[in-house]
Amino acid sequence: TATVAQNVLKGAMDAYRTQVFLQKN
């Protein structure tokens, strides 16, 4: 349970930060 929840959130937030980077550029 813990690993799954953490992996989902990590994947989501890393993807979000990538899109923020693209938006800034």
mmCIF file of all heavy atoms, coordinates in Angstrom:
data_MODEL
# 
_entry.id   MODEL 
# 
loop_
_atom_site.group_PDB 
_atom_site.id 
_atom_site.type_symbol 
_atom_site.label_atom_id 
_atom_site.label_alt_id 
_atom_site.label_comp_id 
_atom_site.label_asym_id 
_atom_site.label_entity_id 
_atom_site.label_seq_id 
_atom_site.pdbx_PDB_ins_code 
_atom_site.Cartn_x 
_atom_site.Cartn_y 
_atom_site.Cartn_z 
_atom_site.occupancy 
_atom_site.B_iso_or_equiv 
_atom_site.pdbx_formal_charge 
_atom_site.auth_seq_id 
_atom_site.auth_comp_id 
_atom_site.auth_asym_id 
_atom_site.auth_atom_id 
_atom_site.pdbx_PDB_model_num 
ATOM 1   N N   . THR A 1 1  ? 0.811  -1.217 0.000   1.00 0.00 ? 1  THR A N   1 
ATOM 2   C CA  . THR A 1 1  ? 0.000  0.000  0.000   1.00 0.00 ? 1  THR A CA  1 
ATOM 3   C C   . THR A 1 1  ? 0.846  1.270  0.000   1.00 0.00 ? 1  THR A C   1 
ATOM 4   O O   . THR A 1 1  ? 0.629  2.181  -0.804  1.00 0.00 ? 1  THR A O   1 
ATOM 5   C CB  . THR A 1 1  ? -0.930 0.007  1.226   1.00 0.00 ? 1  THR A CB  1 
ATOM 6   O OG1 . THR A 1 1  ? -1.806 -1.111 1.136   1.00 0.00 ? 1  THR A OG1 1 
ATOM 7   C CG2 . THR A 1 1  ? -1.737 1.289  1.291   1.00 0.00 ? 1  THR A CG2 1 
ATOM 8   N N   . ALA A 1 2  ? 1.807  1.353  0.903   1.00 0.00 ? 2  ALA A N   1 
ATOM 9   C CA  . ALA A 1 2  ? 2.620  2.560  1.035   1.00 0.00 ? 2  ALA A CA  1 
ATOM 10  C C   . ALA A 1 2  ? 3.417  2.839  -0.235  1.00 0.00 ? 2  ALA A C   1 
ATOM 11  O O   . ALA A 1 2  ? 3.455  3.977  -0.732  1.00 0.00 ? 2  ALA A O   1 
ATOM 12  C CB  . ALA A 1 2  ? 3.548  2.434  2.230   1.00 0.00 ? 2  ALA A CB  1 
ATOM 13  N N   . THR A 1 3  ? 4.055  1.817  -0.774  1.00 0.00 ? 3  THR A N   1 
ATOM 14  C CA  . THR A 1 3  ? 4.881  1.984  -1.971  1.00 0.00 ? 3  THR A CA  1 
ATOM 15  C C   . THR A 1 3  ? 4.049  2.415  -3.167  1.00 0.00 ? 3  THR A C   1 
ATOM 16  O O   . THR A 1 3  ? 4.456  3.286  -3.945  1.00 0.00 ? 3  THR A O   1 
ATOM 17  C CB  . THR A 1 3  ? 5.639  0.689  -2.300  1.00 0.00 ? 3  THR A CB  1 
ATOM 18  O OG1 . THR A 1 3  ? 6.418  0.297  -1.169  1.00 0.00 ? 3  THR A OG1 1 
ATOM 19  C CG2 . THR A 1 3  ? 6.538  0.863  -3.498  1.00 0.00 ? 3  THR A CG2 1 
ATOM 20  N N   . VAL A 1 4  ? 2.884  1.824  -3.319  1.00 0.00 ? 4  VAL A N   1 
ATOM 21  C CA  . VAL A 1 4  ? 2.005  2.178  -4.436  1.00 0.00 ? 4  VAL A CA  1 
ATOM 22  C C   . VAL A 1 4  ? 1.586  3.641  -4.335  1.00 0.00 ? 4  VAL A C   1 
ATOM 23  O O   . VAL A 1 4  ? 1.680  4.399  -5.309  1.00 0.00 ? 4  VAL A O   1 
ATOM 24  C CB  . VAL A 1 4  ? 0.760  1.266  -4.465  1.00 0.00 ? 4  VAL A CB  1 
ATOM 25  C CG1 . VAL A 1 4  ? -0.304 1.824  -5.407  1.00 0.00 ? 4  VAL A CG1 1 
ATOM 26  C CG2 . VAL A 1 4  ? 1.144  -0.145 -4.887  1.00 0.00 ? 4  VAL A CG2 1 
ATOM 27  N N   . ALA A 1 5  ? 1.127  4.058  -3.166  1.00 0.00 ? 5  ALA A N   1 
ATOM 28  C CA  . ALA A 1 5  ? 0.700  5.444  -2.982  1.00 0.00 ? 5  ALA A CA  1 
ATOM 29  C C   . ALA A 1 5  ? 1.846  6.414  -3.254  1.00 0.00 ? 5  ALA A C   1 
ATOM 30  O O   . ALA A 1 5  ? 1.674  7.450  -3.917  1.00 0.00 ? 5  ALA A O   1 
ATOM 31  C CB  . ALA A 1 5  ? 0.163  5.641  -1.567  1.00 0.00 ? 5  ALA A CB  1 
ATOM 32  N N   . GLN A 1 6  ? 3.026  6.074  -2.758  1.00 0.00 ? 6  GLN A N   1 
ATOM 33  C CA  . GLN A 1 6  ? 4.187  6.949  -2.959  1.00 0.00 ? 6  GLN A CA  1 
ATOM 34  C C   . GLN A 1 6  ? 4.576  7.023  -4.425  1.00 0.00 ? 6  GLN A C   1 
ATOM 35  O O   . GLN A 1 6  ? 4.874  8.108  -4.944  1.00 0.00 ? 6  GLN A O   1 
ATOM 36  C CB  . GLN A 1 6  ? 5.359  6.450  -2.118  1.00 0.00 ? 6  GLN A CB  1 
ATOM 37  C CG  . GLN A 1 6  ? 5.156  6.644  -0.625  1.00 0.00 ? 6  GLN A CG  1 
ATOM 38  C CD  . GLN A 1 6  ? 6.313  6.108  0.194   1.00 0.00 ? 6  GLN A CD  1 
ATOM 39  O OE1 . GLN A 1 6  ? 7.015  5.191  -0.217  1.00 0.00 ? 6  GLN A OE1 1 
ATOM 40  N NE2 . GLN A 1 6  ? 6.526  6.673  1.373   1.00 0.00 ? 6  GLN A NE2 1 
ATOM 41  N N   . ASN A 1 7  ? 4.572  5.894  -5.118  1.00 0.00 ? 7  ASN A N   1 
ATOM 42  C CA  . ASN A 1 7  ? 4.956  5.886  -6.524  1.00 0.00 ? 7  ASN A CA  1 
ATOM 43  C C   . ASN A 1 7  ? 3.981  6.683  -7.380  1.00 0.00 ? 7  ASN A C   1 
ATOM 44  O O   . ASN A 1 7  ? 4.390  7.392  -8.306  1.00 0.00 ? 7  ASN A O   1 
ATOM 45  C CB  . ASN A 1 7  ? 5.064  4.450  -7.040  1.00 0.00 ? 7  ASN A CB  1 
ATOM 46  C CG  . ASN A 1 7  ? 6.316  3.746  -6.541  1.00 0.00 ? 7  ASN A CG  1 
ATOM 47  O OD1 . ASN A 1 7  ? 7.195  4.371  -5.961  1.00 0.00 ? 7  ASN A OD1 1 
ATOM 48  N ND2 . ASN A 1 7  ? 6.403  2.440  -6.761  1.00 0.00 ? 7  ASN A ND2 1 
ATOM 49  N N   . VAL A 1 8  ? 2.692  6.569  -7.088  1.00 0.00 ? 8  VAL A N   1 
ATOM 50  C CA  . VAL A 1 8  ? 1.695  7.328  -7.842  1.00 0.00 ? 8  VAL A CA  1 
ATOM 51  C C   . VAL A 1 8  ? 1.932  8.826  -7.674  1.00 0.00 ? 8  VAL A C   1 
ATOM 52  O O   . VAL A 1 8  ? 1.947  9.590  -8.653  1.00 0.00 ? 8  VAL A O   1 
ATOM 53  C CB  . VAL A 1 8  ? 0.263  6.970  -7.384  1.00 0.00 ? 8  VAL A CB  1 
ATOM 54  C CG1 . VAL A 1 8  ? -0.757 7.947  -7.978  1.00 0.00 ? 8  VAL A CG1 1 
ATOM 55  C CG2 . VAL A 1 8  ? -0.086 5.548  -7.796  1.00 0.00 ? 8  VAL A CG2 1 
ATOM 56  N N   . LEU A 1 9  ? 2.145  9.256  -6.438  1.00 0.00 ? 9  LEU A N   1 
ATOM 57  C CA  . LEU A 1 9  ? 2.342  10.684 -6.182  1.00 0.00 ? 9  LEU A CA  1 
ATOM 58  C C   . LEU A 1 9  ? 3.663  11.178 -6.772  1.00 0.00 ? 9  LEU A C   1 
ATOM 59  O O   . LEU A 1 9  ? 3.717  12.275 -7.357  1.00 0.00 ? 9  LEU A O   1 
ATOM 60  C CB  . LEU A 1 9  ? 2.289  10.964 -4.685  1.00 0.00 ? 9  LEU A CB  1 
ATOM 61  C CG  . LEU A 1 9  ? 2.379  12.440 -4.282  1.00 0.00 ? 9  LEU A CG  1 
ATOM 62  C CD1 . LEU A 1 9  ? 1.281  13.263 -4.955  1.00 0.00 ? 9  LEU A CD1 1 
ATOM 63  C CD2 . LEU A 1 9  ? 2.302  12.595 -2.762  1.00 0.00 ? 9  LEU A CD2 1 
ATOM 64  N N   . LYS A 1 10 ? 4.719  10.391 -6.646  1.00 0.00 ? 10 LYS A N   1 
ATOM 65  C CA  . LYS A 1 10 ? 6.004  10.783 -7.229  1.00 0.00 ? 10 LYS A CA  1 
ATOM 66  C C   . LYS A 1 10 ? 5.902  10.928 -8.741  1.00 0.00 ? 10 LYS A C   1 
ATOM 67  O O   . LYS A 1 10 ? 6.392  11.902 -9.326  1.00 0.00 ? 10 LYS A O   1 
ATOM 68  C CB  . LYS A 1 10 ? 7.087  9.746  -6.885  1.00 0.00 ? 10 LYS A CB  1 
ATOM 69  C CG  . LYS A 1 10 ? 7.540  9.744  -5.441  1.00 0.00 ? 10 LYS A CG  1 
ATOM 70  C CD  . LYS A 1 10 ? 8.538  8.622  -5.197  1.00 0.00 ? 10 LYS A CD  1 
ATOM 71  C CE  . LYS A 1 10 ? 8.986  8.553  -3.750  1.00 0.00 ? 10 LYS A CE  1 
ATOM 72  N NZ  . LYS A 1 10 ? 9.906  7.412  -3.512  1.00 0.00 ? 10 LYS A NZ  1 
ATOM 73  N N   . GLY A 1 11 ? 5.268  9.974  -9.392  1.00 0.00 ? 11 GLY A N   1 
ATOM 74  C CA  . GLY A 1 11 ? 5.110  10.040 -10.839 1.00 0.00 ? 11 GLY A CA  1 
ATOM 75  C C   . GLY A 1 11 ? 4.307  11.256 -11.255 1.00 0.00 ? 11 GLY A C   1 
ATOM 76  O O   . GLY A 1 11 ? 4.650  11.944 -12.230 1.00 0.00 ? 11 GLY A O   1 
ATOM 77  N N   . ALA A 1 12 ? 3.230  11.524 -10.502 1.00 0.00 ? 12 ALA A N   1 
ATOM 78  C CA  . ALA A 1 12 ? 2.378  12.668 -10.810 1.00 0.00 ? 12 ALA A CA  1 
ATOM 79  C C   . ALA A 1 12 ? 3.143  13.978 -10.661 1.00 0.00 ? 12 ALA A C   1 
ATOM 80  O O   . ALA A 1 12 ? 3.097  14.856 -11.537 1.00 0.00 ? 12 ALA A O   1 
ATOM 81  C CB  . ALA A 1 12 ? 1.149  12.658 -9.908  1.00 0.00 ? 12 ALA A CB  1 
ATOM 82  N N   . MET A 1 13 ? 3.865  14.126 -9.562  1.00 0.00 ? 13 MET A N   1 
ATOM 83  C CA  . MET A 1 13 ? 4.539  15.396 -9.300  1.00 0.00 ? 13 MET A CA  1 
ATOM 84  C C   . MET A 1 13 ? 5.751  15.609 -10.206 1.00 0.00 ? 13 MET A C   1 
ATOM 85  O O   . MET A 1 13 ? 6.030  16.741 -10.610 1.00 0.00 ? 13 MET A O   1 
ATOM 86  C CB  . MET A 1 13 ? 4.952  15.487 -7.832  1.00 0.00 ? 13 MET A CB  1 
ATOM 87  C CG  . MET A 1 13 ? 3.771  15.584 -6.870  1.00 0.00 ? 13 MET A CG  1 
ATOM 88  S SD  . MET A 1 13 ? 2.476  16.772 -7.362  1.00 0.00 ? 13 MET A SD  1 
ATOM 89  C CE  . MET A 1 13 ? 3.425  18.268 -7.605  1.00 0.00 ? 13 MET A CE  1 
ATOM 90  N N   . ASP A 1 14 ? 6.452  14.552 -10.548 1.00 0.00 ? 14 ASP A N   1 
ATOM 91  C CA  . ASP A 1 14 ? 7.562  14.706 -11.484 1.00 0.00 ? 14 ASP A CA  1 
ATOM 92  C C   . ASP A 1 14 ? 7.041  15.121 -12.859 1.00 0.00 ? 14 ASP A C   1 
ATOM 93  O O   . ASP A 1 14 ? 7.647  15.961 -13.544 1.00 0.00 ? 14 ASP A O   1 
ATOM 94  C CB  . ASP A 1 14 ? 8.360  13.410 -11.587 1.00 0.00 ? 14 ASP A CB  1 
ATOM 95  C CG  . ASP A 1 14 ? 9.238  13.175 -10.361 1.00 0.00 ? 14 ASP A CG  1 
ATOM 96  O OD1 . ASP A 1 14 ? 9.340  14.082 -9.513  1.00 0.00 ? 14 ASP A OD1 1 
ATOM 97  O OD2 . ASP A 1 14 ? 9.816  12.067 -10.260 1.00 0.00 ? 14 ASP A OD2 1 
ATOM 98  N N   . ALA A 1 15 ? 5.908  14.536 -13.261 1.00 0.00 ? 15 ALA A N   1 
ATOM 99  C CA  . ALA A 1 15 ? 5.298  14.914 -14.534 1.00 0.00 ? 15 ALA A CA  1 
ATOM 100 C C   . ALA A 1 15 ? 4.841  16.367 -14.496 1.00 0.00 ? 15 ALA A C   1 
ATOM 101 O O   . ALA A 1 15 ? 5.013  17.118 -15.468 1.00 0.00 ? 15 ALA A O   1 
ATOM 102 C CB  . ALA A 1 15 ? 4.109  14.005 -14.840 1.00 0.00 ? 15 ALA A CB  1 
ATOM 103 N N   . TYR A 1 16 ? 4.292  16.797 -13.367 1.00 0.00 ? 16 TYR A N   1 
ATOM 104 C CA  . TYR A 1 16 ? 3.837  18.180 -13.225 1.00 0.00 ? 16 TYR A CA  1 
ATOM 105 C C   . TYR A 1 16 ? 5.010  19.148 -13.338 1.00 0.00 ? 16 TYR A C   1 
ATOM 106 O O   . TYR A 1 16 ? 4.930  20.169 -14.038 1.00 0.00 ? 16 TYR A O   1 
ATOM 107 C CB  . TYR A 1 16 ? 3.142  18.349 -11.878 1.00 0.00 ? 16 TYR A CB  1 
ATOM 108 C CG  . TYR A 1 16 ? 2.572  19.736 -11.667 1.00 0.00 ? 16 TYR A CG  1 
ATOM 109 C CD1 . TYR A 1 16 ? 1.376  20.110 -12.270 1.00 0.00 ? 16 TYR A CD1 1 
ATOM 110 C CD2 . TYR A 1 16 ? 3.233  20.666 -10.876 1.00 0.00 ? 16 TYR A CD2 1 
ATOM 111 C CE1 . TYR A 1 16 ? 0.857  21.380 -12.095 1.00 0.00 ? 16 TYR A CE1 1 
ATOM 112 C CE2 . TYR A 1 16 ? 2.721  21.945 -10.688 1.00 0.00 ? 16 TYR A CE2 1 
ATOM 113 C CZ  . TYR A 1 16 ? 1.534  22.292 -11.298 1.00 0.00 ? 16 TYR A CZ  1 
ATOM 114 O OH  . TYR A 1 16 ? 1.024  23.551 -11.130 1.00 0.00 ? 16 TYR A OH  1 
ATOM 115 N N   . ARG A 1 17 ? 6.097  18.812 -12.685 1.00 0.00 ? 17 ARG A N   1 
ATOM 116 C CA  . ARG A 1 17 ? 7.266  19.701 -12.726 1.00 0.00 ? 17 ARG A CA  1 
ATOM 117 C C   . ARG A 1 17 ? 7.869  19.777 -14.126 1.00 0.00 ? 17 ARG A C   1 
ATOM 118 O O   . ARG A 1 17 ? 8.387  20.826 -14.533 1.00 0.00 ? 17 ARG A O   1 
ATOM 119 C CB  . ARG A 1 17 ? 8.301  19.242 -11.703 1.00 0.00 ? 17 ARG A CB  1 
ATOM 120 C CG  . ARG A 1 17 ? 7.877  19.569 -10.269 1.00 0.00 ? 17 ARG A CG  1 
ATOM 121 C CD  . ARG A 1 17 ? 8.920  19.180 -9.239  1.00 0.00 ? 17 ARG A CD  1 
ATOM 122 N NE  . ARG A 1 17 ? 8.558  19.718 -7.925  1.00 0.00 ? 17 ARG A NE  1 
ATOM 123 C CZ  . ARG A 1 17 ? 9.291  19.560 -6.824  1.00 0.00 ? 17 ARG A CZ  1 
ATOM 124 N NH1 . ARG A 1 17 ? 10.431 18.873 -6.876  1.00 0.00 ? 17 ARG A NH1 1 
ATOM 125 N NH2 . ARG A 1 17 ? 8.893  20.088 -5.670  1.00 0.00 ? 17 ARG A NH2 1 
ATOM 126 N N   . THR A 1 18 ? 7.783  18.691 -14.871 1.00 0.00 ? 18 THR A N   1 
ATOM 127 C CA  . THR A 1 18 ? 8.250  18.726 -16.254 1.00 0.00 ? 18 THR A CA  1 
ATOM 128 C C   . THR A 1 18 ? 7.408  19.685 -17.079 1.00 0.00 ? 18 THR A C   1 
ATOM 129 O O   . THR A 1 18 ? 7.929  20.480 -17.866 1.00 0.00 ? 18 THR A O   1 
ATOM 130 C CB  . THR A 1 18 ? 8.202  17.323 -16.880 1.00 0.00 ? 18 THR A CB  1 
ATOM 131 O OG1 . THR A 1 18 ? 9.098  16.460 -16.181 1.00 0.00 ? 18 THR A OG1 1 
ATOM 132 C CG2 . THR A 1 18 ? 8.596  17.357 -18.350 1.00 0.00 ? 18 THR A CG2 1 
ATOM 133 N N   . GLN A 1 19 ? 6.079  19.629 -16.889 1.00 0.00 ? 19 GLN A N   1 
ATOM 134 C CA  . GLN A 1 19 ? 5.199  20.514 -17.641 1.00 0.00 ? 19 GLN A CA  1 
ATOM 135 C C   . GLN A 1 19 ? 5.380  21.975 -17.224 1.00 0.00 ? 19 GLN A C   1 
ATOM 136 O O   . GLN A 1 19 ? 5.278  22.875 -18.054 1.00 0.00 ? 19 GLN A O   1 
ATOM 137 C CB  . GLN A 1 19 ? 3.748  20.080 -17.468 1.00 0.00 ? 19 GLN A CB  1 
ATOM 138 C CG  . GLN A 1 19 ? 3.446  18.674 -17.963 1.00 0.00 ? 19 GLN A CG  1 
ATOM 139 C CD  . GLN A 1 19 ? 3.925  18.418 -19.376 1.00 0.00 ? 19 GLN A CD  1 
ATOM 140 O OE1 . GLN A 1 19 ? 4.699  17.500 -19.628 1.00 0.00 ? 19 GLN A OE1 1 
ATOM 141 N NE2 . GLN A 1 19 ? 3.470  19.235 -20.312 1.00 0.00 ? 19 GLN A NE2 1 
ATOM 142 N N   . VAL A 1 20 ? 5.670  22.203 -15.958 1.00 0.00 ? 20 VAL A N   1 
ATOM 143 C CA  . VAL A 1 20 ? 5.959  23.567 -15.492 1.00 0.00 ? 20 VAL A CA  1 
ATOM 144 C C   . VAL A 1 20 ? 7.220  24.085 -16.174 1.00 0.00 ? 20 VAL A C   1 
ATOM 145 O O   . VAL A 1 20 ? 7.281  25.246 -16.623 1.00 0.00 ? 20 VAL A O   1 
ATOM 146 C CB  . VAL A 1 20 ? 6.121  23.602 -13.956 1.00 0.00 ? 20 VAL A CB  1 
ATOM 147 C CG1 . VAL A 1 20 ? 6.697  24.943 -13.504 1.00 0.00 ? 20 VAL A CG1 1 
ATOM 148 C CG2 . VAL A 1 20 ? 4.777  23.351 -13.282 1.00 0.00 ? 20 VAL A CG2 1 
ATOM 149 N N   . PHE A 1 21 ? 8.230  23.220 -16.267 1.00 0.00 ? 21 PHE A N   1 
ATOM 150 C CA  . PHE A 1 21 ? 9.467  23.594 -16.949 1.00 0.00 ? 21 PHE A CA  1 
ATOM 151 C C   . PHE A 1 21 ? 9.194  23.973 -18.399 1.00 0.00 ? 21 PHE A C   1 
ATOM 152 O O   . PHE A 1 21 ? 9.711  24.987 -18.908 1.00 0.00 ? 21 PHE A O   1 
ATOM 153 C CB  . PHE A 1 21 ? 10.466 22.433 -16.878 1.00 0.00 ? 21 PHE A CB  1 
ATOM 154 C CG  . PHE A 1 21 ? 11.688 22.618 -17.729 1.00 0.00 ? 21 PHE A CG  1 
ATOM 155 C CD1 . PHE A 1 21 ? 12.735 23.418 -17.304 1.00 0.00 ? 21 PHE A CD1 1 
ATOM 156 C CD2 . PHE A 1 21 ? 11.782 22.001 -18.961 1.00 0.00 ? 21 PHE A CD2 1 
ATOM 157 C CE1 . PHE A 1 21 ? 13.860 23.596 -18.096 1.00 0.00 ? 21 PHE A CE1 1 
ATOM 158 C CE2 . PHE A 1 21 ? 12.904 22.170 -19.763 1.00 0.00 ? 21 PHE A CE2 1 
ATOM 159 C CZ  . PHE A 1 21 ? 13.948 22.975 -19.328 1.00 0.00 ? 21 PHE A CZ  1 
ATOM 160 N N   . LEU A 1 22 ? 8.384  23.183 -19.080 1.00 0.00 ? 22 LEU A N   1 
ATOM 161 C CA  . LEU A 1 22 ? 8.054  23.464 -20.477 1.00 0.00 ? 22 LEU A CA  1 
ATOM 162 C C   . LEU A 1 22 ? 7.275  24.767 -20.605 1.00 0.00 ? 22 LEU A C   1 
ATOM 163 O O   . LEU A 1 22 ? 7.493  25.547 -21.534 1.00 0.00 ? 22 LEU A O   1 
ATOM 164 C CB  . LEU A 1 22 ? 7.248  22.302 -21.066 1.00 0.00 ? 22 LEU A CB  1 
ATOM 165 C CG  . LEU A 1 22 ? 8.008  20.991 -21.259 1.00 0.00 ? 22 LEU A CG  1 
ATOM 166 C CD1 . LEU A 1 22 ? 7.060  19.898 -21.729 1.00 0.00 ? 22 LEU A CD1 1 
ATOM 167 C CD2 . LEU A 1 22 ? 9.154  21.176 -22.250 1.00 0.00 ? 22 LEU A CD2 1 
ATOM 168 N N   . GLN A 1 23 ? 6.372  25.000 -19.648 1.00 0.00 ? 23 GLN A N   1 
ATOM 169 C CA  . GLN A 1 23 ? 5.592  26.231 -19.693 1.00 0.00 ? 23 GLN A CA  1 
ATOM 170 C C   . GLN A 1 23 ? 6.477  27.459 -19.515 1.00 0.00 ? 23 GLN A C   1 
ATOM 171 O O   . GLN A 1 23 ? 6.290  28.482 -20.183 1.00 0.00 ? 23 GLN A O   1 
ATOM 172 C CB  . GLN A 1 23 ? 4.502  26.199 -18.613 1.00 0.00 ? 23 GLN A CB  1 
ATOM 173 C CG  . GLN A 1 23 ? 3.599  27.432 -18.629 1.00 0.00 ? 23 GLN A CG  1 
ATOM 174 C CD  . GLN A 1 23 ? 2.363  27.239 -17.789 1.00 0.00 ? 23 GLN A CD  1 
ATOM 175 O OE1 . GLN A 1 23 ? 1.400  26.607 -18.200 1.00 0.00 ? 23 GLN A OE1 1 
ATOM 176 N NE2 . GLN A 1 23 ? 2.372  27.779 -16.577 1.00 0.00 ? 23 GLN A NE2 1 
ATOM 177 N N   . LYS A 1 24 ? 7.442  27.364 -18.628 1.00 0.00 ? 24 LYS A N   1 
ATOM 178 C CA  . LYS A 1 24 ? 8.359  28.480 -18.411 1.00 0.00 ? 24 LYS A CA  1 
ATOM 179 C C   . LYS A 1 24 ? 9.196  28.777 -19.656 1.00 0.00 ? 24 LYS A C   1 
ATOM 180 O O   . LYS A 1 24 ? 9.670  29.897 -19.847 1.00 0.00 ? 24 LYS A O   1 
ATOM 181 C CB  . LYS A 1 24 ? 9.280  28.181 -17.225 1.00 0.00 ? 24 LYS A CB  1 
ATOM 182 C CG  . LYS A 1 24 ? 8.588  28.253 -15.873 1.00 0.00 ? 24 LYS A CG  1 
ATOM 183 C CD  . LYS A 1 24 ? 9.539  27.933 -14.754 1.00 0.00 ? 24 LYS A CD  1 
ATOM 184 C CE  . LYS A 1 24 ? 8.855  28.040 -13.397 1.00 0.00 ? 24 LYS A CE  1 
ATOM 185 N NZ  . LYS A 1 24 ? 9.768  27.686 -12.276 1.00 0.00 ? 24 LYS A NZ  1 
ATOM 186 N N   . ASN A 1 25 ? 9.376  27.747 -20.490 1.00 0.00 ? 25 ASN A N   1 
ATOM 187 C CA  . ASN A 1 25 ? 10.130 27.916 -21.728 1.00 0.00 ? 25 ASN A CA  1 
ATOM 188 C C   . ASN A 1 25 ? 9.207  28.090 -22.935 1.00 0.00 ? 25 ASN A C   1 
ATOM 189 O O   . ASN A 1 25 ? 9.623  27.888 -24.081 1.00 0.00 ? 25 ASN A O   1 
ATOM 190 C CB  . ASN A 1 25 ? 11.056 26.718 -21.939 1.00 0.00 ? 25 ASN A CB  1 
ATOM 191 C CG  . ASN A 1 25 ? 12.259 26.749 -21.016 1.00 0.00 ? 25 ASN A CG  1 
ATOM 192 O OD1 . ASN A 1 25 ? 13.272 27.367 -21.328 1.00 0.00 ? 25 ASN A OD1 1 
ATOM 193 N ND2 . ASN A 1 25 ? 12.150 26.095 -19.865 1.00 0.00 ? 25 ASN A ND2 1 
# 
